Amino acid sequence: MSDGKCTQCGHEGLEPGFVSDAQAQTPGFAVWVEGELERGVFGGVKLWGRPKWQVDARRCPNCFHLELFAGRQL
């Protein structure tokens, strides 16, 4: 499945995919978190209770540009 148009080269047909972030306390893919970055007392990023969205990616097979979208809310 492919969709969209590349914003860099204009090629039709972007390839769907995702950006993996298999770290502790993540669902195995990158998420977009609403608001400014805040760190806790031990230096980690404060995520608890903040709205999060799954990051969806589309890759241009012509110029390899990545387009990222904050898709569905988690």
C-alpha atoms as a PDB file:
ATOM      1  CA  MET A   1       0.000   0.000   0.000  1.00  0.00           C
ATOM      2  CA  SER A   2       1.274   3.460  -0.826  1.00  0.00           C
ATOM      3  CA  ASP A   3      -0.263   6.896  -0.695  1.00  0.00           C
ATOM      4  CA  GLY A   4       0.446  10.596  -0.803  1.00  0.00           C
ATOM      5  CA  LYS A   5       2.916  12.771  -2.618  1.00  0.00           C
ATOM      6  CA  CYS A   6       6.462  13.543  -1.476  1.00  0.00           C
ATOM      7  CA  THR A   7       6.816  17.143  -0.305  1.00  0.00           C
ATOM      8  CA  GLN A   8      10.484  17.173  -1.395  1.00  0.00           C
ATOM      9  CA  CYS A   9      10.536  15.733  -4.920  1.00  0.00           C
ATOM     10  CA  GLY A  10       6.827  15.419  -5.797  1.00  0.00           C
ATOM     11  CA  HIS A  11       6.947  11.649  -6.385  1.00  0.00           C
ATOM     12  CA  GLU A  12       3.512   9.985  -6.119  1.00  0.00           C
ATOM     13  CA  GLY A  13       3.177   6.951  -3.855  1.00  0.00           C
ATOM     14  CA  LEU A  14       4.789   7.119  -0.423  1.00  0.00           C
ATOM     15  CA  GLU A  15       5.520   3.833   1.339  1.00  0.00           C
ATOM     16  CA  PRO A  16       3.939   3.382   4.807  1.00  0.00           C
ATOM     17  CA  GLY A  17       6.061   2.419   7.811  1.00  0.00           C
ATOM     18  CA  PHE A  18       6.877   3.369  11.396  1.00  0.00           C
ATOM     19  CA  VAL A  19       9.792   4.607  13.491  1.00  0.00           C
ATOM     20  CA  SER A  20      10.782   2.017  16.086  1.00  0.00           C
ATOM     21  CA  ASP A  21      11.704   3.109  19.597  1.00  0.00           C
ATOM     22  CA  ALA A  22      11.911  -0.111  21.573  1.00  0.00           C
ATOM     23  CA  GLN A  23      13.029   1.447  24.852  1.00  0.00           C
ATOM     24  CA  ALA A  24      11.717   0.922  28.370  1.00  0.00           C
ATOM     25  CA  GLN A  25       8.233   2.364  28.981  1.00  0.00           C
ATOM     26  CA  THR A  26       7.412   2.651  25.262  1.00  0.00           C
ATOM     27  CA  PRO A  27       5.026   0.493  23.239  1.00  0.00           C
ATOM     28  CA  GLY A  28       7.808  -0.457  20.781  1.00  0.00           C
ATOM     29  CA  PHE A  29       7.308   2.444  18.380  1.00  0.00           C
ATOM     30  CA  ALA A  30       7.924   6.192  18.554  1.00  0.00           C
ATOM     31  CA  VAL A  31       5.272   8.418  20.108  1.00  0.00           C
ATOM     32  CA  TRP A  32       4.630  12.152  19.907  1.00  0.00           C
ATOM     33  CA  VAL A  33       3.978  13.754  23.318  1.00  0.00           C
ATOM     34  CA  GLU A  34       1.989  16.968  23.603  1.00  0.00           C
ATOM     35  CA  GLY A  35       3.670  19.970  25.257  1.00  0.00           C
ATOM     36  CA  GLU A  36       7.179  21.015  26.162  1.00  0.00           C
ATOM     37  CA  LEU A  37       9.772  18.463  27.281  1.00  0.00           C
ATOM     38  CA  GLU A  38       9.866  18.115  31.070  1.00  0.00           C
ATOM     39  CA  ARG A  39      12.371  16.056  33.033  1.00  0.00           C
ATOM     40  CA  GLY A  40      11.842  14.367  36.371  1.00  0.00           C
ATOM     41  CA  VAL A  41      14.156  14.415  39.382  1.00  0.00           C
ATOM     42  CA  PHE A  42      16.300  11.589  37.965  1.00  0.00           C
ATOM     43  CA  GLY A  43      16.582  13.173  34.499  1.00  0.00           C
ATOM     44  CA  GLY A  44      14.029  11.003  32.718  1.00  0.00           C
ATOM     45  CA  VAL A  45      11.291  12.491  30.551  1.00  0.00           C
ATOM     46  CA  LYS A  46       7.945  13.007  32.289  1.00  0.00           C
ATOM     47  CA  LEU A  47       5.327  11.105  30.275  1.00  0.00           C
ATOM     48  CA  TRP A  48       2.727  10.046  32.833  1.00  0.00           C
ATOM     49  CA  GLY A  49      -0.715  11.519  32.170  1.00  0.00           C
ATOM     50  CA  ARG A  50       0.348  13.438  29.057  1.00  0.00           C
ATOM     51  CA  PRO A  51      -1.485  12.946  25.734  1.00  0.00           C
ATOM     52  CA  LYS A  52       0.475  10.721  23.325  1.00  0.00           C
ATOM     53  CA  TRP A  53       0.038   9.886  19.626  1.00  0.00           C
ATOM     54  CA  GLN A  54       1.486   7.094  17.527  1.00  0.00           C
ATOM     55  CA  VAL A  55       4.007   8.377  14.980  1.00  0.00           C
ATOM     56  CA  ASP A  56       3.265   7.078  11.482  1.00  0.00           C
ATOM     57  CA  ALA A  57       5.884   7.408   8.762  1.00  0.00           C
ATOM     58  CA  ARG A  58       5.801   7.519   4.974  1.00  0.00           C
ATOM     59  CA  ARG A  59       8.984   7.090   2.885  1.00  0.00           C
ATOM     60  CA  CYS A  60       9.519   8.325  -0.632  1.00  0.00           C
ATOM     61  CA  PRO A  61      10.996   5.498  -2.756  1.00  0.00           C
ATOM     62  CA  ASN A  62      12.452   8.103  -5.140  1.00  0.00           C
ATOM     63  CA  CYS A  63      14.422  10.474  -2.851  1.00  0.00           C
ATOM     64  CA  PHE A  64      14.124   8.530   0.464  1.00  0.00           C
ATOM     65  CA  HIS A  65      12.637  11.524   2.309  1.00  0.00           C
ATOM     66  CA  LEU A  66      10.614  10.592   5.425  1.00  0.00           C
ATOM     67  CA  GLU A  67       7.301  12.250   6.280  1.00  0.00           C
ATOM     68  CA  LEU A  68       6.166  11.800   9.892  1.00  0.00           C
ATOM     69  CA  PHE A  69       2.573  12.126  11.090  1.00  0.00           C
ATOM     70  CA  ALA A  70       1.121  12.066  14.602  1.00  0.00           C
ATOM     71  CA  GLY A  71      -1.599   9.562  13.695  1.00  0.00           C
ATOM     72  CA  ARG A  72      -3.830   7.981  16.283  1.00  0.00           C
ATOM     73  CA  GLN A  73      -3.984   8.950  19.944  1.00  0.00           C
ATOM     74  CA  LEU A  74      -2.782   6.278  22.373  1.00  0.00           C
END
